[in-house]
Each structure stands twice: as structure tokens, then as C-alpha cells.
Amino acid sequence: MAKRGGLTWSSDGGATCPRCRRPAKACTCGRGAAQPVGDGRVRVGRATQGRKGKGVTTVAGLPLPPPELAKLGKELKRLCGSGGTVKDGVVEIQGDHRDRVVAWLAERGYEVKRAGG
């Protein structure tokens, strides 16, 4: 259990982690956190909600920690020649690139399912 209170900022290293008391840049608390485990399938879909009708390709269910997920998101954006982001464990790529993304992920050994219509 984490201790409450104590040092939260230091003039030596700036902000510190409240759990391990190390400088924020050297914190190891969140790196080994377990990822939520689903059914083992990566789902590739298309979404337009909240985007004024513009569609994005969504990739959800990747069993990767956040730094590796960001790296894979960057590779997917490069593959599709499009912009995008990683939000809440879901990779979003601007435009409809479902077929290309499904094929690319299947080549790399992921169990991929095309979700939605």
C-alpha cells in the first residue's frame, strides 16, 4: 500500500512520484502494471461518433503496454500515410484503412477481427 503525504516536489529533481518517491522521470511504478486481458483478439473497426462525420479506423485490444502501443500506432500511421492518435489503449487512424491494417497486423501474428459493418 502506498504511503500518503510526504515529498511531492524537489528542487533537485522536480516532481516526484507519490508511490515510490523517485523523480517522476525515473519512476518505475506504472511500467510493470498489468494490462487488461480481453479475449485475445485485436478488433479493427471504423468510428465517426464525435468527429463531425469524419471516419477513423480504430484498433482496440492490442496486448501492449502504453509505450509499445504508441510505437505500434506510429508504425500504423506511417503504413496508412495518415495522421492519428492513441487514446485510452485504442489506436485511431484518420480515414478508412481497415483492410490494410487487418492484413498488416495478421502478418505480425495478431489474431485480428474486423469489427462493425
N, C-alpha and C. Protein backbone atom coordinates (compact mmCIF):
# COMPACT_ATOMS: atom_id res chain seq x y z
N MET A 1 0.85 -1.17 0.00
CA MET A 1 0.00 0.00 0.00
C MET A 1 0.89 1.24 0.00
N ALA A 2 0.53 2.22 -0.77
CA ALA A 2 1.31 3.43 -0.88
C ALA A 2 1.14 4.31 0.35
N LYS A 3 2.22 4.97 0.73
CA LYS A 3 2.17 5.90 1.85
C LYS A 3 1.53 7.19 1.39
N ARG A 4 0.83 7.84 2.26
CA ARG A 4 0.19 9.12 1.95
C ARG A 4 1.07 10.25 2.48
N GLY A 5 0.99 11.38 1.79
CA GLY A 5 1.74 12.54 2.24
C GLY A 5 3.20 12.45 1.85
N GLY A 6 3.99 13.37 2.32
CA GLY A 6 5.40 13.34 2.05
C GLY A 6 5.79 14.24 0.88
N LEU A 7 6.98 14.05 0.41
CA LEU A 7 7.57 14.87 -0.63
C LEU A 7 6.89 14.66 -1.97
N THR A 8 6.45 15.75 -2.61
CA THR A 8 5.86 15.65 -3.94
C THR A 8 6.63 16.46 -4.97
N TRP A 9 7.53 17.31 -4.54
CA TRP A 9 8.35 18.09 -5.46
C TRP A 9 9.67 18.38 -4.79
N SER A 10 10.73 18.36 -5.58
CA SER A 10 12.05 18.62 -5.05
C SER A 10 12.79 19.56 -5.98
N SER A 11 13.56 20.48 -5.43
CA SER A 11 14.32 21.38 -6.28
C SER A 11 15.45 20.63 -6.99
N ASP A 12 15.81 19.45 -6.49
CA ASP A 12 16.85 18.66 -7.14
C ASP A 12 16.35 17.98 -8.42
N GLY A 13 15.17 17.37 -8.35
CA GLY A 13 14.70 16.60 -9.49
C GLY A 13 13.34 16.98 -9.99
N GLY A 14 12.70 18.01 -9.45
CA GLY A 14 11.37 18.40 -9.88
C GLY A 14 10.31 17.54 -9.22
N ALA A 15 9.26 17.20 -9.97
CA ALA A 15 8.15 16.41 -9.43
C ALA A 15 8.61 15.00 -9.08
N THR A 16 8.02 14.46 -8.01
CA THR A 16 8.35 13.10 -7.60
C THR A 16 7.08 12.25 -7.58
N CYS A 17 7.26 10.96 -7.71
CA CYS A 17 6.15 10.02 -7.68
C CYS A 17 5.69 9.84 -6.23
N PRO A 18 4.38 9.95 -5.96
CA PRO A 18 3.92 9.79 -4.59
C PRO A 18 4.02 8.36 -4.07
N ARG A 19 4.12 7.37 -4.97
CA ARG A 19 4.20 5.98 -4.52
C ARG A 19 5.63 5.54 -4.21
N CYS A 20 6.55 5.75 -5.17
CA CYS A 20 7.91 5.24 -4.96
C CYS A 20 8.90 6.32 -4.51
N ARG A 21 8.46 7.58 -4.49
CA ARG A 21 9.27 8.72 -4.03
C ARG A 21 10.49 9.00 -4.90
N ARG A 22 10.50 8.51 -6.11
CA ARG A 22 11.59 8.80 -7.05
C ARG A 22 11.18 9.99 -7.91
N PRO A 23 12.16 10.62 -8.59
CA PRO A 23 11.79 11.67 -9.54
C PRO A 23 10.83 11.10 -10.60
N ALA A 24 9.89 11.92 -11.06
CA ALA A 24 8.86 11.44 -11.99
C ALA A 24 9.46 10.79 -13.23
N LYS A 25 10.58 11.29 -13.72
CA LYS A 25 11.21 10.72 -14.92
C LYS A 25 11.81 9.35 -14.66
N ALA A 26 12.16 9.05 -13.41
CA ALA A 26 12.77 7.76 -13.07
C ALA A 26 11.80 6.81 -12.39
N CYS A 27 10.52 7.17 -12.34
CA CYS A 27 9.51 6.34 -11.67
C CYS A 27 9.31 5.02 -12.40
N THR A 28 9.23 3.94 -11.63
CA THR A 28 9.01 2.62 -12.22
C THR A 28 7.69 2.01 -11.77
N CYS A 29 6.87 2.75 -11.08
CA CYS A 29 5.59 2.22 -10.56
C CYS A 29 4.66 1.76 -11.66
N GLY A 30 4.45 2.58 -12.68
CA GLY A 30 3.47 2.27 -13.70
C GLY A 30 3.98 1.41 -14.83
N ARG A 31 5.27 1.18 -14.91
CA ARG A 31 5.82 0.44 -16.05
C ARG A 31 5.48 -1.03 -16.05
N GLY A 32 5.39 -1.64 -14.90
CA GLY A 32 5.12 -3.06 -14.85
C GLY A 32 3.65 -3.38 -14.59
N ALA A 33 2.78 -2.40 -14.77
CA ALA A 33 1.37 -2.61 -14.48
C ALA A 33 0.77 -3.62 -15.45
N ALA A 34 -0.08 -4.46 -14.93
CA ALA A 34 -0.72 -5.47 -15.76
C ALA A 34 -1.74 -4.82 -16.69
N GLN A 35 -1.76 -5.27 -17.92
CA GLN A 35 -2.70 -4.78 -18.91
C GLN A 35 -4.00 -5.56 -18.79
N PRO A 36 -5.14 -4.92 -19.05
CA PRO A 36 -6.39 -5.66 -19.02
C PRO A 36 -6.38 -6.72 -20.12
N VAL A 37 -6.79 -7.92 -19.75
CA VAL A 37 -6.77 -9.01 -20.70
C VAL A 37 -8.17 -9.24 -21.21
N GLY A 38 -8.34 -9.18 -22.53
CA GLY A 38 -9.65 -9.43 -23.12
C GLY A 38 -9.70 -10.86 -23.62
N ASP A 39 -10.32 -11.03 -24.77
CA ASP A 39 -10.44 -12.37 -25.33
C ASP A 39 -9.27 -12.71 -26.25
N GLY A 40 -8.27 -11.82 -26.34
CA GLY A 40 -7.08 -12.11 -27.13
C GLY A 40 -7.19 -11.69 -28.58
N ARG A 41 -8.30 -11.08 -28.97
CA ARG A 41 -8.48 -10.64 -30.35
C ARG A 41 -8.26 -9.13 -30.45
N VAL A 42 -7.64 -8.75 -31.54
CA VAL A 42 -7.49 -7.33 -31.85
C VAL A 42 -8.64 -6.98 -32.77
N ARG A 43 -9.40 -5.94 -32.41
CA ARG A 43 -10.55 -5.56 -33.21
C ARG A 43 -10.25 -4.28 -33.98
N VAL A 44 -10.46 -4.34 -35.29
CA VAL A 44 -10.24 -3.19 -36.16
C VAL A 44 -11.60 -2.76 -36.69
N GLY A 45 -11.98 -1.52 -36.38
CA GLY A 45 -13.29 -1.02 -36.79
C GLY A 45 -13.21 0.38 -37.34
N ARG A 46 -14.38 0.97 -37.57
CA ARG A 46 -14.46 2.32 -38.07
C ARG A 46 -15.43 3.09 -37.19
N ALA A 47 -15.11 4.32 -36.85
CA ALA A 47 -15.96 5.13 -35.99
C ALA A 47 -16.08 6.54 -36.57
N THR A 48 -17.26 7.14 -36.38
CA THR A 48 -17.47 8.53 -36.80
C THR A 48 -18.06 9.37 -35.68
N GLN A 49 -18.42 8.76 -34.57
CA GLN A 49 -19.06 9.49 -33.48
C GLN A 49 -18.16 10.59 -32.93
N GLY A 50 -18.71 11.79 -32.82
CA GLY A 50 -17.97 12.91 -32.24
C GLY A 50 -16.90 13.48 -33.15
N ARG A 51 -16.97 13.15 -34.43
CA ARG A 51 -15.93 13.62 -35.36
C ARG A 51 -16.53 14.38 -36.54
N LYS A 52 -17.76 14.85 -36.39
CA LYS A 52 -18.46 15.61 -37.44
C LYS A 52 -18.55 14.83 -38.74
N GLY A 53 -18.80 13.52 -38.63
CA GLY A 53 -18.97 12.69 -39.82
C GLY A 53 -17.70 12.14 -40.42
N LYS A 54 -16.57 12.59 -39.96
CA LYS A 54 -15.29 12.09 -40.50
C LYS A 54 -14.97 10.75 -39.85
N GLY A 55 -14.62 9.78 -40.65
CA GLY A 55 -14.36 8.44 -40.13
C GLY A 55 -12.91 8.22 -39.73
N VAL A 56 -12.72 7.40 -38.72
CA VAL A 56 -11.38 6.97 -38.32
C VAL A 56 -11.38 5.45 -38.18
N THR A 57 -10.24 4.86 -38.43
CA THR A 57 -10.06 3.43 -38.21
C THR A 57 -9.60 3.26 -36.78
N THR A 58 -10.27 2.39 -36.03
CA THR A 58 -9.91 2.16 -34.64
C THR A 58 -9.33 0.75 -34.48
N VAL A 59 -8.27 0.65 -33.69
CA VAL A 59 -7.64 -0.64 -33.40
C VAL A 59 -7.65 -0.80 -31.88
N ALA A 60 -8.44 -1.76 -31.40
CA ALA A 60 -8.59 -1.96 -29.96
C ALA A 60 -8.21 -3.39 -29.59
N GLY A 61 -7.79 -3.57 -28.35
CA GLY A 61 -7.49 -4.91 -27.85
C GLY A 61 -6.06 -5.36 -28.04
N LEU A 62 -5.17 -4.44 -28.36
CA LEU A 62 -3.76 -4.81 -28.51
C LEU A 62 -3.15 -5.05 -27.13
N PRO A 63 -2.55 -6.21 -26.91
CA PRO A 63 -2.00 -6.54 -25.58
C PRO A 63 -0.60 -5.96 -25.39
N LEU A 64 -0.49 -4.64 -25.41
CA LEU A 64 0.81 -3.97 -25.31
C LEU A 64 0.78 -2.90 -24.23
N PRO A 65 1.91 -2.67 -23.55
CA PRO A 65 1.98 -1.55 -22.61
C PRO A 65 1.97 -0.23 -23.39
N PRO A 66 1.60 0.87 -22.74
CA PRO A 66 1.44 2.16 -23.43
C PRO A 66 2.62 2.61 -24.31
N PRO A 67 3.89 2.47 -23.88
CA PRO A 67 4.96 2.93 -24.78
C PRO A 67 5.03 2.12 -26.08
N GLU A 68 4.84 0.80 -25.98
CA GLU A 68 4.87 -0.03 -27.18
C GLU A 68 3.64 0.19 -28.04
N LEU A 69 2.51 0.50 -27.42
CA LEU A 69 1.29 0.79 -28.17
C LEU A 69 1.47 2.07 -28.97
N ALA A 70 2.12 3.07 -28.39
CA ALA A 70 2.39 4.32 -29.10
C ALA A 70 3.32 4.06 -30.29
N LYS A 71 4.30 3.20 -30.10
CA LYS A 71 5.23 2.88 -31.19
C LYS A 71 4.49 2.16 -32.32
N LEU A 72 3.62 1.20 -31.98
CA LEU A 72 2.86 0.50 -33.00
C LEU A 72 1.90 1.45 -33.70
N GLY A 73 1.31 2.38 -32.96
CA GLY A 73 0.44 3.38 -33.56
C GLY A 73 1.18 4.23 -34.58
N LYS A 74 2.39 4.57 -34.27
CA LYS A 74 3.21 5.36 -35.20
C LYS A 74 3.49 4.56 -36.47
N GLU A 75 3.78 3.26 -36.32
CA GLU A 75 4.02 2.41 -37.49
C GLU A 75 2.76 2.30 -38.35
N LEU A 76 1.60 2.17 -37.71
CA LEU A 76 0.35 2.07 -38.46
C LEU A 76 0.04 3.37 -39.21
N LYS A 77 0.31 4.50 -38.57
CA LYS A 77 0.08 5.79 -39.24
C LYS A 77 0.99 5.92 -40.46
N ARG A 78 2.22 5.47 -40.32
CA ARG A 78 3.16 5.52 -41.44
C ARG A 78 2.70 4.58 -42.56
N LEU A 79 2.23 3.40 -42.20
CA LEU A 79 1.74 2.43 -43.18
C LEU A 79 0.58 3.01 -43.99
N CYS A 80 -0.33 3.70 -43.31
CA CYS A 80 -1.52 4.24 -43.96
C CYS A 80 -1.30 5.61 -44.58
N GLY A 81 -0.18 6.25 -44.27
CA GLY A 81 0.08 7.58 -44.80
C GLY A 81 -0.92 8.59 -44.27
N SER A 82 -1.23 8.48 -43.00
CA SER A 82 -2.29 9.29 -42.42
C SER A 82 -1.92 9.67 -40.99
N GLY A 83 -2.67 10.61 -40.45
CA GLY A 83 -2.47 11.01 -39.07
C GLY A 83 -3.27 10.12 -38.14
N GLY A 84 -3.13 10.35 -36.86
CA GLY A 84 -3.88 9.58 -35.89
C GLY A 84 -3.37 9.82 -34.49
N THR A 85 -3.88 9.01 -33.55
CA THR A 85 -3.52 9.16 -32.15
C THR A 85 -3.73 7.84 -31.42
N VAL A 86 -3.26 7.80 -30.18
CA VAL A 86 -3.52 6.67 -29.29
C VAL A 86 -4.22 7.24 -28.06
N LYS A 87 -5.46 6.81 -27.83
CA LYS A 87 -6.25 7.30 -26.69
C LYS A 87 -6.81 6.11 -25.94
N ASP A 88 -6.59 6.07 -24.65
CA ASP A 88 -7.17 5.05 -23.77
C ASP A 88 -6.96 3.63 -24.29
N GLY A 89 -5.77 3.34 -24.81
CA GLY A 89 -5.46 1.99 -25.27
C GLY A 89 -6.02 1.66 -26.64
N VAL A 90 -6.57 2.65 -27.36
CA VAL A 90 -7.12 2.43 -28.69
C VAL A 90 -6.35 3.30 -29.68
N VAL A 91 -5.88 2.69 -30.76
CA VAL A 91 -5.19 3.43 -31.81
C VAL A 91 -6.25 3.94 -32.78
N GLU A 92 -6.22 5.24 -33.07
CA GLU A 92 -7.14 5.84 -34.04
C GLU A 92 -6.32 6.37 -35.20
N ILE A 93 -6.72 5.97 -36.42
CA ILE A 93 -6.03 6.42 -37.63
C ILE A 93 -7.05 7.12 -38.51
N GLN A 94 -6.73 8.31 -38.96
CA GLN A 94 -7.66 9.09 -39.76
C GLN A 94 -7.93 8.39 -41.09
N GLY A 95 -9.20 8.27 -41.43
CA GLY A 95 -9.60 7.65 -42.69
C GLY A 95 -9.98 6.19 -42.50
N ASP A 96 -10.44 5.58 -43.59
CA ASP A 96 -10.86 4.18 -43.56
C ASP A 96 -9.75 3.31 -44.14
N HIS A 97 -8.98 2.68 -43.26
CA HIS A 97 -7.84 1.85 -43.65
C HIS A 97 -7.95 0.44 -43.06
N ARG A 98 -9.17 -0.02 -42.84
CA ARG A 98 -9.38 -1.29 -42.13
C ARG A 98 -8.70 -2.47 -42.82
N ASP A 99 -8.87 -2.60 -44.13
CA ASP A 99 -8.30 -3.76 -44.82
C ASP A 99 -6.78 -3.80 -44.70
N ARG A 100 -6.16 -2.67 -44.90
CA ARG A 100 -4.70 -2.58 -44.83
C ARG A 100 -4.19 -2.90 -43.42
N VAL A 101 -4.88 -2.36 -42.40
CA VAL A 101 -4.46 -2.58 -41.01
C VAL A 101 -4.66 -4.03 -40.60
N VAL A 102 -5.79 -4.63 -40.99
CA VAL A 102 -6.05 -6.04 -40.66
C VAL A 102 -4.97 -6.93 -41.26
N ALA A 103 -4.63 -6.71 -42.53
CA ALA A 103 -3.60 -7.52 -43.18
C ALA A 103 -2.24 -7.34 -42.51
N TRP A 104 -1.89 -6.11 -42.16
CA TRP A 104 -0.59 -5.82 -41.55
C TRP A 104 -0.47 -6.48 -40.18
N LEU A 105 -1.53 -6.38 -39.37
CA LEU A 105 -1.49 -6.98 -38.04
C LEU A 105 -1.49 -8.51 -38.12
N ALA A 106 -2.22 -9.08 -39.08
CA ALA A 106 -2.24 -10.54 -39.24
C ALA A 106 -0.85 -11.06 -39.63
N GLU A 107 -0.12 -10.31 -40.45
CA GLU A 107 1.25 -10.70 -40.82
C GLU A 107 2.15 -10.77 -39.61
N ARG A 108 1.88 -9.95 -38.62
CA ARG A 108 2.71 -9.90 -37.41
C ARG A 108 2.24 -10.85 -36.32
N GLY A 109 1.29 -11.72 -36.62
CA GLY A 109 0.90 -12.77 -35.70
C GLY A 109 -0.24 -12.46 -34.75
N TYR A 110 -0.88 -11.30 -34.90
CA TYR A 110 -2.02 -10.98 -34.04
C TYR A 110 -3.26 -11.68 -34.57
N GLU A 111 -4.15 -12.08 -33.66
CA GLU A 111 -5.45 -12.62 -34.06
C GLU A 111 -6.36 -11.42 -34.25
N VAL A 112 -6.68 -11.11 -35.50
CA VAL A 112 -7.37 -9.87 -35.83
C VAL A 112 -8.79 -10.17 -36.30
N LYS A 113 -9.71 -9.33 -35.87
CA LYS A 113 -11.10 -9.44 -36.28
C LYS A 113 -11.55 -8.07 -36.76
N ARG A 114 -12.19 -8.06 -37.91
CA ARG A 114 -12.74 -6.80 -38.43
C ARG A 114 -14.09 -6.58 -37.75
N ALA A 115 -14.21 -5.52 -36.98
CA ALA A 115 -15.41 -5.24 -36.20
C ALA A 115 -16.30 -4.25 -36.93
N GLY A 116 -17.58 -4.35 -36.70
CA GLY A 116 -18.52 -3.43 -37.31
C GLY A 116 -18.89 -3.85 -38.71
N GLY A 117 -19.58 -2.94 -39.43
CA GLY A 117 -20.10 -3.25 -40.77
C GLY A 117 -19.13 -3.10 -41.79
